[in-house]
């Protein structure tokens, strides 16, 4: 219900659309009869059921690794559940949520990690705003990649097919239920969901009018090589190369000491971490200090230096850019310096080698090249030609947190430049359909010390004003032709909404950078400039 309160105060874009849903008295019966009207070849349709606002849905059969045992439903919806086989041994589970107060818009949510989890929270966010929304399990259940083992159908579903199938099917369900086609279609996803959004723009340009894609896991094969290599780089806990989590606060403070002032103000937030040329040598222990948490051994300093350096193969070709500095307290050490294989190692184990016994510590540069060469079902998602998406007047809003400790934000401007070079377009020309917004102080898809509440997910919602909500900014861009110049993020005191707003900051569109003007209150966004 909290979304409805926000909608009432600042939802002019929502009010601008007609309400094409049913009356309250008709809606439950219309929903119950939908299951008999659907004609989806090969599909096993489980149910269509009315779910009133405020209901807590339980998912007892959901894989525990998804971490989604329940979802509170924010608006009256018709919930449809179905399974569509994609081969004799693979298939996609999906849900469509159809709001009573429909605006005519359609939205597909994405997924995360190697996950096969319907992201109910994103579907609910969309339906609370009047979108007919769909989500899939990405072709398997749970966050493990075990389902990829000797099953190319599941791999293909994960690479692209599940989401596209869900979109096509979801649009059909929407039309059958409401008796008319949607007016505009949108996509909202982050991480793997970000990669899925770019995959749609690259390979299925007609699926969406507007795509909001965050922290994208594109350059997927090289990303998994880079992320899986951290275990090899750091070694097991206690080895000479291992940097304990207890030392990363010291490293973070040293980074801030060297680089925090580059944006004109020292506040613990790096507006341009790519400009920081961090040198950890000042933290090297003096004799007798080796066991202190306040310093590094020379070997540990080299591990830190390699962490913040690009990864190259044996021929000197770039595999993946560096981890950007600034993520030392936003999940990076906990993800990559815990002595355990990162989840993406399952891609090598089950999709590349088809060997459940493969040891992640045995990863070598030859394996990086093998994964890149195989590029199963074109999962790399690195095509730079978006001309088909541009031609159909699609719009693409790309964002990435500059304190992302899981997928380095260094890779996002690299793709932007790849598109620019491939299509022969300047930044001003790309602005017509593709805009990238680095978000300072945002961790992976949300959180962090910066102004990271930008409306990309329900948990990151500060308001529905298009100036500070990426989804509504996309709606305004598609439907009113007003492109976002900046995205205003909100930071709450201690990251808690109930504690009140700490500050707001406008995040600039690339290649502009945010810089403090030098005068006035730094918590006032007007005292920062995009330069």
Protein backbone atom coordinates (compact mmCIF):
# COMPACT_ATOMS: atom_id res chain seq x y z
CA UNK A 1 0.00 0.00 0.00
CA UNK A 2 3.00 2.34 0.45
CA UNK A 3 3.33 2.60 -3.34
CA UNK A 4 -0.29 3.74 -3.60
CA UNK A 5 0.38 6.64 -1.24
CA UNK A 6 3.26 7.80 -3.42
CA UNK A 7 1.14 7.34 -6.52
CA UNK A 8 -1.54 9.63 -5.13
CA UNK A 9 0.84 12.53 -4.60
CA UNK A 10 3.11 12.54 -7.64
CA UNK A 11 1.88 10.29 -10.45
CA UNK A 12 0.92 12.57 -13.32
CA UNK A 13 2.24 10.07 -15.85
CA UNK A 14 0.11 7.37 -14.31
CA UNK A 15 -2.95 9.59 -14.30
CA UNK A 16 -2.39 10.45 -17.96
CA UNK A 17 -3.25 6.91 -19.03
CA UNK A 18 -6.83 5.59 -19.17
CA UNK A 19 -7.89 2.92 -16.73
CA UNK A 20 -8.57 -0.08 -18.95
CA UNK A 21 -9.19 -2.59 -16.20
CA UNK A 22 -12.52 -4.02 -15.10
CA UNK A 23 -14.82 -2.73 -12.41
CA UNK A 24 -14.28 -4.06 -8.92
CA UNK A 25 -17.34 -6.27 -9.14
CA UNK A 26 -16.43 -7.80 -12.52
CA UNK A 27 -12.72 -8.29 -12.02
CA UNK A 28 -12.64 -11.49 -9.87
CA UNK A 29 -15.00 -13.38 -12.21
CA UNK A 30 -13.18 -12.14 -15.30
CA UNK A 31 -9.93 -13.41 -13.80
CA UNK A 32 -11.31 -16.82 -12.86
CA UNK A 33 -12.54 -17.40 -16.41
CA UNK A 34 -9.26 -16.37 -18.05
CA UNK A 35 -7.64 -19.79 -17.72
CA UNK A 36 -10.22 -21.26 -20.10
CA UNK A 37 -9.71 -18.54 -22.70
CA UNK A 38 -5.95 -18.76 -23.03
CA UNK A 39 -4.57 -20.53 -26.08
CA UNK A 40 -0.81 -20.93 -25.59
CA UNK A 41 0.61 -23.84 -27.61
CA UNK A 42 2.17 -26.52 -25.43
CA UNK A 43 1.66 -24.61 -22.21
CA UNK A 44 0.48 -26.13 -18.95
CA UNK A 45 -1.59 -23.35 -17.37
CA UNK A 46 -1.85 -23.91 -13.63
CA UNK A 47 -4.39 -21.25 -12.70
CA UNK A 48 -5.74 -17.75 -13.06
CA UNK A 49 -6.87 -16.37 -9.73
CA UNK A 50 -7.93 -13.06 -8.28
CA UNK A 51 -5.60 -11.73 -5.57
CA UNK A 52 -6.81 -8.69 -3.60
CA UNK A 53 -4.43 -5.97 -2.46
CA UNK A 54 -2.82 -6.69 0.90
CA UNK A 55 -2.69 -10.45 0.37
CA UNK A 56 0.51 -12.21 1.45
CA UNK A 57 1.28 -14.81 -1.17
CA UNK A 58 3.25 -17.82 0.05
CA UNK A 59 5.59 -19.78 -2.24
CA UNK A 60 6.20 -23.06 -0.40
CA UNK A 61 7.55 -24.78 -3.51
CA UNK A 62 10.04 -22.04 -4.35
CA UNK A 63 13.69 -23.03 -4.23
CA UNK A 64 15.09 -21.85 -0.90
CA UNK A 65 18.11 -20.31 -2.61
CA UNK A 66 15.81 -17.77 -4.25
CA UNK A 67 15.14 -16.17 -0.87
CA UNK A 68 11.57 -15.32 -1.82
CA UNK A 69 9.23 -17.32 0.43
CA UNK A 70 6.44 -14.73 0.22
CA UNK A 71 5.26 -11.50 -1.40
CA UNK A 72 2.77 -8.94 -0.14
CA UNK A 73 0.60 -7.89 -3.08
CA UNK A 74 0.15 -4.13 -3.39
CA UNK A 75 -2.86 -3.93 -5.72
CA UNK A 76 -5.81 -5.99 -6.94
CA UNK A 77 -4.48 -8.36 -9.58
CA UNK A 78 -5.32 -11.37 -11.68
CA UNK A 79 -2.46 -13.82 -11.17
CA UNK A 80 -1.69 -16.35 -13.93
CA UNK A 81 0.81 -19.19 -13.52
CA UNK A 82 2.01 -21.48 -16.31
CA UNK A 83 4.82 -23.67 -17.60
CA UNK A 84 5.99 -23.75 -21.22
CA UNK A 85 8.30 -26.56 -22.41
CA UNK A 86 11.18 -25.44 -24.62
CA UNK A 87 12.49 -28.95 -25.33
CA UNK A 88 11.87 -32.47 -24.10
CA UNK A 89 14.00 -31.76 -21.00
CA UNK A 90 13.72 -28.00 -20.51
CA UNK A 91 11.04 -25.41 -19.98
CA UNK A 92 10.10 -22.07 -18.51
CA UNK A 93 7.89 -21.34 -15.51
CA UNK A 94 6.35 -17.89 -15.58
CA UNK A 95 3.73 -15.69 -14.01
CA UNK A 96 1.66 -12.83 -15.37
CA UNK A 97 0.14 -10.34 -12.96
CA UNK A 98 -2.68 -8.28 -14.44
CA UNK A 99 -3.80 -5.27 -12.38
CA UNK A 100 -7.39 -4.23 -12.03
CA UNK A 101 -6.32 -0.60 -12.55
CA UNK A 102 -4.47 -1.13 -15.82
CA UNK A 103 -2.85 1.82 -17.57
CA UNK A 104 -2.43 -0.05 -20.85
CA UNK A 105 1.28 -0.55 -20.27
CA UNK A 106 3.16 -3.86 -20.28
CA UNK A 107 6.40 -4.67 -18.40
CA UNK A 108 8.71 -7.63 -18.07
CA UNK A 109 10.99 -8.05 -15.08
CA UNK A 110 14.38 -9.77 -15.33
CA UNK A 111 16.44 -12.11 -13.14
CA UNK A 112 19.68 -12.08 -11.14
CA UNK A 113 22.92 -14.06 -10.91
CA UNK A 114 22.69 -17.54 -12.42
CA UNK A 115 19.24 -17.52 -10.93
CA UNK A 116 16.10 -19.28 -11.85
CA UNK A 117 13.87 -17.21 -9.62
CA UNK A 118 10.73 -15.30 -10.50
CA UNK A 119 11.37 -11.84 -9.05
CA UNK A 120 7.96 -11.32 -7.51
CA UNK A 121 8.98 -8.07 -5.88
CA UNK A 122 9.63 -6.50 -9.29
CA UNK A 123 6.37 -7.79 -10.74
CA UNK A 124 4.50 -6.38 -7.76
CA UNK A 125 6.29 -3.03 -8.14
CA UNK A 126 5.17 -2.86 -11.76
CA UNK A 127 1.55 -3.82 -11.11
CA UNK A 128 1.34 -1.31 -8.25
CA UNK A 129 2.06 1.30 -10.93
CA UNK A 130 -0.57 -0.05 -13.33
CA UNK A 131 1.61 -2.16 -15.63
CA UNK A 132 0.57 -5.64 -16.70
CA UNK A 133 3.72 -7.49 -15.65
CA UNK A 134 5.44 -10.82 -16.25
CA UNK A 135 8.45 -12.67 -14.89
CA UNK A 136 10.00 -16.09 -15.49
CA UNK A 137 12.28 -18.50 -13.66
CA UNK A 138 14.79 -18.11 -16.51
CA UNK A 139 14.43 -21.77 -17.40
CA UNK A 140 15.42 -23.42 -14.11
CA UNK A 141 14.79 -23.23 -10.38
CA UNK A 142 17.20 -21.75 -7.83
CA UNK A 143 20.43 -19.77 -7.85
CA UNK A 144 22.73 -22.69 -8.70
CA UNK A 145 23.86 -23.49 -12.23
CA UNK A 146 23.47 -27.21 -11.65
CA UNK A 147 20.53 -27.39 -14.06
CA UNK A 148 22.92 -26.50 -16.92
CA UNK A 149 24.68 -29.86 -16.58
CA UNK A 150 24.32 -31.78 -19.85
CA UNK A 151 21.19 -29.80 -20.70
CA UNK A 152 21.72 -27.35 -23.56
CA UNK A 153 18.03 -26.45 -23.50
CA UNK A 154 18.35 -24.98 -20.01
CA UNK A 155 21.49 -23.09 -21.06
CA UNK A 156 19.66 -21.64 -24.05
CA UNK A 157 16.71 -20.65 -21.87
CA UNK A 158 19.09 -18.84 -19.51
CA UNK A 159 21.03 -17.12 -22.29
CA UNK A 160 18.03 -15.49 -23.96
CA UNK A 161 15.03 -17.72 -24.64
CA UNK A 162 13.19 -17.67 -21.31
CA UNK A 163 12.84 -13.92 -21.13
CA UNK A 164 11.86 -13.47 -24.77
CA UNK A 165 9.34 -16.31 -24.51
CA UNK A 166 7.91 -14.74 -21.37
CA UNK A 167 7.51 -11.41 -23.14
CA UNK A 168 5.74 -12.87 -26.17
CA UNK A 169 3.51 -15.03 -23.99
CA UNK A 170 2.83 -12.26 -21.51
CA UNK A 171 1.70 -9.88 -24.21
CA UNK A 172 -0.69 -12.54 -25.53
CA UNK A 173 -2.13 -13.14 -22.04
CA UNK A 174 -2.53 -9.40 -21.53
CA UNK A 175 -4.43 -8.96 -24.79
CA UNK A 176 -6.72 -11.91 -24.07
CA UNK A 177 -7.54 -10.67 -20.59
CA UNK A 178 -8.17 -7.01 -21.32
CA UNK A 179 -9.53 -7.47 -24.82
CA UNK A 180 -7.03 -5.07 -26.35
CA UNK A 181 -3.31 -4.82 -27.03
CA UNK A 182 -0.99 -2.98 -24.68
CA UNK A 183 -0.06 0.58 -25.64
CA UNK A 184 3.64 0.57 -24.71
CA UNK A 185 5.99 -2.14 -23.48
CA UNK A 186 8.81 -1.74 -20.95
CA UNK A 187 11.61 -3.75 -19.37
CA UNK A 188 13.13 -3.37 -15.90
CA UNK A 189 16.09 -5.42 -14.70
CA UNK A 190 19.47 -5.28 -12.97
CA UNK A 191 22.62 -7.47 -12.89
CA UNK A 192 21.72 -10.55 -14.96
CA UNK A 193 18.54 -8.61 -15.54
CA UNK A 194 20.67 -5.79 -16.93
CA UNK A 195 22.30 -8.19 -19.38
CA UNK A 196 18.89 -9.52 -20.35
CA UNK A 197 17.75 -5.99 -21.14
CA UNK A 198 20.70 -5.42 -23.45
CA UNK A 199 20.17 -8.84 -25.02
CA UNK A 200 16.64 -7.78 -25.89
CA UNK A 201 17.84 -4.53 -27.45
CA UNK A 202 20.49 -6.39 -29.44
CA UNK A 203 18.56 -9.47 -30.56
CA UNK A 204 14.83 -8.74 -30.11
CA UNK A 205 14.54 -4.99 -30.76
CA UNK A 206 10.77 -5.13 -31.29
CA UNK A 207 10.00 -6.52 -27.82
CA UNK A 208 10.19 -3.23 -25.91
CA UNK A 209 9.62 0.47 -26.39
CA UNK A 210 11.73 1.29 -23.35
CA UNK A 211 14.43 -0.68 -21.53
CA UNK A 212 15.83 0.17 -18.08
CA UNK A 213 18.94 -1.96 -17.56
CA UNK A 214 21.19 -1.67 -14.51
CA UNK A 215 24.62 -3.07 -13.57
CA UNK A 216 24.53 -5.30 -16.65
CA UNK A 217 26.32 -8.64 -16.67
CA UNK A 218 27.16 -8.25 -20.36
CA UNK A 219 30.48 -9.43 -21.73
CA UNK A 220 29.17 -12.41 -19.81
CA UNK A 221 31.86 -14.99 -20.59
CA UNK A 222 34.67 -12.60 -19.70
CA UNK A 223 32.79 -11.39 -16.63
CA UNK A 224 32.52 -14.94 -15.30
CA UNK A 225 36.23 -15.47 -16.01
CA UNK A 226 37.09 -12.29 -14.10
CA UNK A 227 34.79 -12.98 -11.14
CA UNK A 228 35.82 -16.64 -10.90
CA UNK A 229 39.50 -15.66 -11.03
CA UNK A 230 39.35 -13.83 -7.69
CA UNK A 231 39.61 -17.17 -5.88
CA UNK A 232 42.78 -17.95 -7.82
CA UNK A 233 44.12 -14.44 -7.24
CA UNK A 234 43.50 -14.37 -3.49
CA UNK A 235 44.09 -18.02 -2.71
CA UNK A 236 42.56 -19.79 0.29
CA UNK A 237 42.09 -18.14 3.66
CA UNK A 238 45.43 -17.88 5.40
CA UNK A 239 47.58 -17.98 2.27
CA UNK A 240 50.17 -15.28 1.68
CA UNK A 241 48.11 -13.75 -1.12
CA UNK A 242 44.86 -13.66 0.84
CA UNK A 243 43.63 -10.27 2.11
CA UNK A 244 41.32 -10.74 5.11
CA UNK A 245 38.05 -8.85 5.27
CA UNK A 246 39.34 -7.11 8.42
CA UNK A 247 41.92 -5.23 6.32
CA UNK A 248 39.56 -3.86 3.68
CA UNK A 249 38.36 -0.97 5.86
CA UNK A 250 41.96 0.20 6.09
CA UNK A 251 42.32 -0.14 2.32
CA UNK A 252 39.06 1.76 1.76
CA UNK A 253 40.18 4.62 4.00
CA UNK A 254 43.49 4.79 2.14
CA UNK A 255 41.64 4.98 -1.18
CA UNK A 256 39.49 7.83 0.10
CA UNK A 257 42.59 9.61 1.38
CA UNK A 258 44.14 9.45 -2.09
CA UNK A 259 41.06 10.00 -4.27
CA UNK A 260 37.98 11.32 -2.47
CA UNK A 261 38.79 14.94 -3.25
CA UNK A 262 38.96 14.40 -7.03
CA UNK A 263 35.29 15.39 -7.36
CA UNK A 264 35.76 18.61 -5.40
CA UNK A 265 34.43 17.44 -2.06
CA UNK A 266 35.52 14.91 0.57
CA UNK A 267 32.42 13.00 1.64
CA UNK A 268 33.32 9.31 1.40
CA UNK A 269 31.72 9.02 -2.05
CA UNK A 270 33.69 8.78 -5.29
CA UNK A 271 31.96 10.48 -8.22
CA UNK A 272 34.63 9.32 -10.68
CA UNK A 273 36.44 6.23 -9.37
CA UNK A 274 37.92 5.69 -12.84
CA UNK A 275 40.08 8.80 -12.29
CA UNK A 276 41.61 7.31 -9.15
CA UNK A 277 45.07 5.81 -9.68
CA UNK A 278 45.26 4.05 -6.36
CA UNK A 279 48.63 2.96 -5.01
CA UNK A 280 48.54 0.65 -1.95
CA UNK A 281 52.28 0.85 -1.28
CA UNK A 282 51.75 3.26 1.61
CA UNK A 283 50.00 0.49 3.52
CA UNK A 284 52.89 -1.96 3.38
CA UNK A 285 53.82 -3.04 6.88
CA UNK A 286 57.05 -2.08 8.50
CA UNK A 287 59.02 -4.96 10.04
CA UNK A 288 57.14 -6.43 12.97
CA UNK A 289 53.71 -5.15 11.91
CA UNK A 290 52.77 -8.04 9.62
CA UNK A 291 49.90 -9.26 11.82
CA UNK A 292 48.29 -5.84 12.14
CA UNK A 293 44.94 -5.10 10.45
CA UNK A 294 46.25 -1.61 9.66
CA UNK A 295 48.81 -2.64 7.08
CA UNK A 296 49.53 -5.09 4.24
CA UNK A 297 52.36 -7.46 3.51
CA UNK A 298 54.07 -6.80 0.16
CA UNK A 299 52.32 -9.89 -1.23
CA UNK A 300 48.92 -8.69 -0.02
CA UNK A 301 49.58 -5.25 -1.52
CA UNK A 302 50.18 -6.95 -4.86
CA UNK A 303 46.83 -8.75 -4.54
CA UNK A 304 45.15 -5.41 -3.92
CA UNK A 305 46.98 -3.86 -6.88
CA UNK A 306 45.81 -6.69 -9.17
CA UNK A 307 42.24 -6.37 -7.86
CA UNK A 308 42.13 -2.78 -9.07
CA UNK A 309 43.84 -3.57 -12.40
CA UNK A 310 42.36 -4.96 -15.64
CA UNK A 311 42.58 -8.69 -16.29
CA UNK A 312 44.55 -9.67 -19.39
CA UNK A 313 45.09 -13.04 -21.03
CA UNK A 314 48.50 -14.49 -21.82
CA UNK A 315 48.53 -12.74 -25.22
CA UNK A 316 48.00 -9.38 -23.59
CA UNK A 317 44.37 -8.98 -24.69
CA UNK A 318 41.86 -7.48 -22.28
CA UNK A 319 39.60 -10.03 -20.62
CA UNK A 320 37.72 -7.66 -18.30
CA UNK A 321 38.33 -4.23 -16.77
CA UNK A 322 39.42 -3.57 -13.22
CA UNK A 323 37.26 -3.60 -10.14
CA UNK A 324 36.59 0.08 -9.56
CA UNK A 325 37.86 1.49 -6.28
CA UNK A 326 35.22 2.43 -3.73
CA UNK A 327 33.49 -0.93 -3.29
CA UNK A 328 35.60 -2.10 -0.35
CA UNK A 329 32.71 -1.66 2.11
CA UNK A 330 29.83 -2.45 -0.25
CA UNK A 331 30.18 -6.19 -0.69
CA UNK A 332 33.32 -6.71 -2.73
CA UNK A 333 35.48 -8.38 -0.03
CA UNK A 334 32.53 -10.45 1.21
CA UNK A 335 31.87 -11.62 -2.35
CA UNK A 336 35.37 -12.24 -3.64
CA UNK A 337 37.69 -12.48 -0.63
CA UNK A 338 36.04 -15.16 1.46
CA UNK A 339 38.07 -18.17 0.35
CA UNK A 340 35.05 -19.67 -1.45
CA UNK A 341 34.20 -20.02 -5.16
CA UNK A 342 31.95 -17.27 -6.48
CA UNK A 343 28.56 -18.46 -7.72
CA UNK A 344 29.46 -17.70 -11.34
CA UNK A 345 31.98 -20.55 -11.19
CA UNK A 346 28.98 -22.78 -11.77
CA UNK A 347 28.98 -21.51 -15.35
CA UNK A 348 32.36 -23.16 -15.89
CA UNK A 349 31.46 -26.26 -13.91
CA UNK A 350 28.11 -27.03 -15.53
CA UNK A 351 27.86 -25.08 -18.80
CA UNK A 352 31.43 -25.03 -20.10
CA UNK A 353 33.00 -28.25 -18.77
CA UNK A 354 29.84 -30.27 -17.99
CA UNK A 355 31.73 -31.64 -15.04
CA UNK A 356 30.15 -31.47 -11.59
CA UNK A 357 33.55 -32.32 -10.05
CA UNK A 358 35.45 -29.45 -11.67
CA UNK A 359 37.59 -27.56 -9.15
CA UNK A 360 37.25 -23.73 -9.34
CA UNK A 361 40.78 -23.31 -7.99
CA UNK A 362 42.07 -24.93 -11.19
CA UNK A 363 40.83 -22.05 -13.40
CA UNK A 364 43.46 -20.93 -15.92
CA UNK A 365 43.69 -18.38 -18.76
CA UNK A 366 43.09 -21.24 -21.19
CA UNK A 367 39.68 -21.70 -19.56
CA UNK A 368 38.87 -18.01 -20.03
CA UNK A 369 39.57 -18.35 -23.73
CA UNK A 370 37.53 -21.56 -24.00
CA UNK A 371 34.48 -19.95 -22.44
CA UNK A 372 34.82 -16.92 -24.69
CA UNK A 373 35.23 -19.05 -27.80
CA UNK A 374 32.23 -21.26 -27.00
CA UNK A 375 30.04 -18.24 -26.17
CA UNK A 376 27.09 -20.54 -25.63
CA UNK A 377 23.97 -19.26 -27.36
CA UNK A 378 25.65 -15.87 -27.76
CA UNK A 379 25.38 -15.19 -24.05
CA UNK A 380 28.27 -12.70 -24.29
CA UNK A 381 25.69 -9.98 -25.14
CA UNK A 382 28.29 -7.61 -26.56
CA UNK A 383 26.93 -6.58 -29.95
CA UNK A 384 27.55 -2.89 -30.50
CA UNK A 385 25.06 -2.38 -33.32
CA UNK A 386 21.76 -1.22 -31.84
CA UNK A 387 20.52 0.27 -35.09
CA UNK A 388 17.41 -1.94 -35.26
CA UNK A 389 16.38 -0.85 -31.77
CA UNK A 390 17.10 2.77 -32.67
CA UNK A 391 15.17 2.50 -35.93
CA UNK A 392 12.00 1.35 -34.16
CA UNK A 393 12.45 4.37 -31.83
CA UNK A 394 13.26 2.28 -28.79
CA UNK A 395 14.78 3.97 -25.74
CA UNK A 396 17.50 2.55 -23.50
CA UNK A 397 18.34 3.83 -20.00
CA UNK A 398 21.49 2.22 -18.61
CA UNK A 399 22.70 2.79 -15.04
CA UNK A 400 25.47 1.33 -12.91
CA UNK A 401 26.47 1.91 -9.29
CA UNK A 402 29.99 3.25 -8.91
CA UNK A 403 30.42 1.28 -5.66
CA UNK A 404 29.28 -2.02 -7.17
CA UNK A 405 31.23 -4.79 -5.48
CA UNK A 406 30.02 -7.63 -7.72
CA UNK A 407 30.00 -6.38 -11.34
CA UNK A 408 32.58 -3.69 -11.92
CA UNK A 409 31.12 -0.42 -13.18
CA UNK A 410 34.30 -0.06 -15.27
CA UNK A 411 32.70 -2.28 -17.91
CA UNK A 412 29.65 -0.08 -18.52
CA UNK A 413 31.39 2.91 -20.19
CA UNK A 414 33.39 0.38 -22.21
CA UNK A 415 30.18 -0.94 -23.75
CA UNK A 416 28.86 2.58 -24.28
CA UNK A 417 32.04 3.39 -26.20
CA UNK A 418 31.70 0.11 -28.11
CA UNK A 419 28.24 1.16 -29.31
CA UNK A 420 29.49 4.64 -30.17
CA UNK A 421 32.36 3.26 -32.25
CA UNK A 422 30.33 0.47 -33.88
CA UNK A 423 27.50 2.76 -34.92
CA UNK A 424 29.70 5.75 -35.65
CA UNK A 425 27.67 7.97 -33.33
CA UNK A 426 28.80 10.73 -30.99
CA UNK A 427 27.49 10.98 -27.43
CA UNK A 428 25.05 13.67 -28.58
CA UNK A 429 23.74 11.32 -31.25
CA UNK A 430 23.54 8.36 -28.85
CA UNK A 431 21.53 10.56 -26.49
CA UNK A 432 18.62 10.28 -28.91
CA UNK A 433 17.98 6.68 -27.84
CA UNK A 434 20.68 5.46 -25.40
CA UNK A 435 21.75 7.18 -22.19
CA UNK A 436 24.09 5.86 -19.50
CA UNK A 437 23.98 7.15 -15.91
CA UNK A 438 26.76 6.25 -13.45
CA UNK A 439 25.33 6.36 -9.91
CA UNK A 440 27.92 7.41 -7.33
CA UNK A 441 27.96 5.49 -4.08
CA UNK A 442 25.50 2.82 -5.26
CA UNK A 443 26.42 -0.78 -4.52
CA UNK A 444 25.15 -3.69 -6.64
CA UNK A 445 21.69 -2.62 -7.91
CA UNK A 446 21.07 -0.60 -4.74
CA UNK A 447 22.37 0.29 -1.32
CA UNK A 448 25.69 1.92 -0.53
CA UNK A 449 26.58 5.33 0.92
CA UNK A 450 25.46 7.38 -2.08
CA UNK A 451 22.14 8.74 -3.31
CA UNK A 452 21.14 5.30 -4.56
CA UNK A 453 17.35 5.42 -4.23
CA UNK A 454 16.43 5.91 -7.90
CA UNK A 455 13.26 3.83 -8.26
CA UNK A 456 14.89 0.94 -10.08
CA UNK A 457 13.26 -1.45 -7.61
CA UNK A 458 10.53 -1.10 -5.00
CA UNK A 459 13.09 -1.20 -2.22
CA UNK A 460 14.89 1.73 -3.87
CA UNK A 461 11.80 3.89 -4.30
CA UNK A 462 11.99 7.51 -3.12
CA UNK A 463 9.20 8.88 -5.30
CA UNK A 464 7.50 8.68 -8.67
CA UNK A 465 8.70 11.98 -10.09
CA UNK A 466 10.41 11.05 -13.38
CA UNK A 467 13.35 13.22 -12.35
CA UNK A 468 14.17 10.74 -9.57
CA UNK A 469 12.69 7.44 -10.74
CA UNK A 470 14.34 5.61 -13.63
CA UNK A 471 11.22 3.64 -14.56
CA UNK A 472 9.00 6.71 -14.70
CA UNK A 473 11.78 8.61 -16.49
CA UNK A 474 11.64 5.93 -19.16
CA UNK A 475 7.84 6.18 -19.40
CA UNK A 476 8.09 9.95 -19.88
CA UNK A 477 10.85 9.53 -22.49
CA UNK A 478 8.86 6.96 -24.51
CA UNK A 479 5.43 8.55 -24.24
CA UNK A 480 6.18 12.27 -24.00
CA UNK A 481 9.52 12.50 -25.76
CA UNK A 482 11.24 14.03 -22.70
CA UNK A 483 14.63 12.35 -22.24
CA UNK A 484 16.24 12.33 -18.78
CA UNK A 485 19.12 14.78 -18.50
CA UNK A 486 20.06 13.63 -15.00
CA UNK A 487 18.67 11.12 -12.49
CA UNK A 488 18.23 12.52 -8.99
CA UNK A 489 19.01 9.96 -6.33
CA UNK A 490 18.10 10.09 -2.65
CA UNK A 491 20.21 9.03 0.32
CA UNK A 492 18.47 8.39 3.63
CA UNK A 493 20.05 8.74 7.05
CA UNK A 494 21.67 5.40 7.83
CA UNK A 495 20.03 4.07 4.66
CA UNK A 496 16.64 4.00 6.40
CA UNK A 497 13.62 5.86 5.02
CA UNK A 498 12.06 6.30 8.44
CA UNK A 499 15.14 8.22 9.58
CA UNK A 500 14.58 10.88 6.92
CA UNK A 501 16.46 12.21 3.90
CA UNK A 502 20.19 12.83 4.32
CA UNK A 503 20.82 14.33 0.88
CA UNK A 504 19.93 14.19 -2.80
CA UNK A 505 22.28 14.23 -5.76
CA UNK A 506 21.79 14.46 -9.51
CA UNK A 507 23.59 11.68 -11.34
CA UNK A 508 24.96 12.87 -14.67
CA UNK A 509 24.60 11.12 -18.00
CA UNK A 510 27.85 9.83 -19.42
CA UNK A 511 30.36 11.15 -20.41
CA UNK A 512 29.67 14.07 -18.05
CA UNK A 513 30.97 13.88 -14.49
CA UNK A 514 29.55 15.23 -11.25
CA UNK A 515 31.72 17.85 -9.53
CA UNK A 516 31.13 20.01 -6.46
CA UNK A 517 31.00 23.70 -7.32
CA UNK A 518 33.00 24.56 -4.20
CA UNK A 519 30.40 26.76 -2.50
CA UNK A 520 27.27 26.10 -0.49
CA UNK A 521 25.89 23.02 1.20
CA UNK A 522 27.23 19.88 -0.53
CA UNK A 523 23.99 18.07 0.36
CA UNK A 524 22.11 20.44 -1.94
CA UNK A 525 22.11 18.92 -5.45
CA UNK A 526 22.15 22.43 -6.95
CA UNK A 527 25.69 22.87 -5.66
CA UNK A 528 26.97 20.10 -7.91
CA UNK A 529 27.48 20.40 -11.66
CA UNK A 530 27.73 17.96 -14.54
CA UNK A 531 30.97 18.82 -16.32
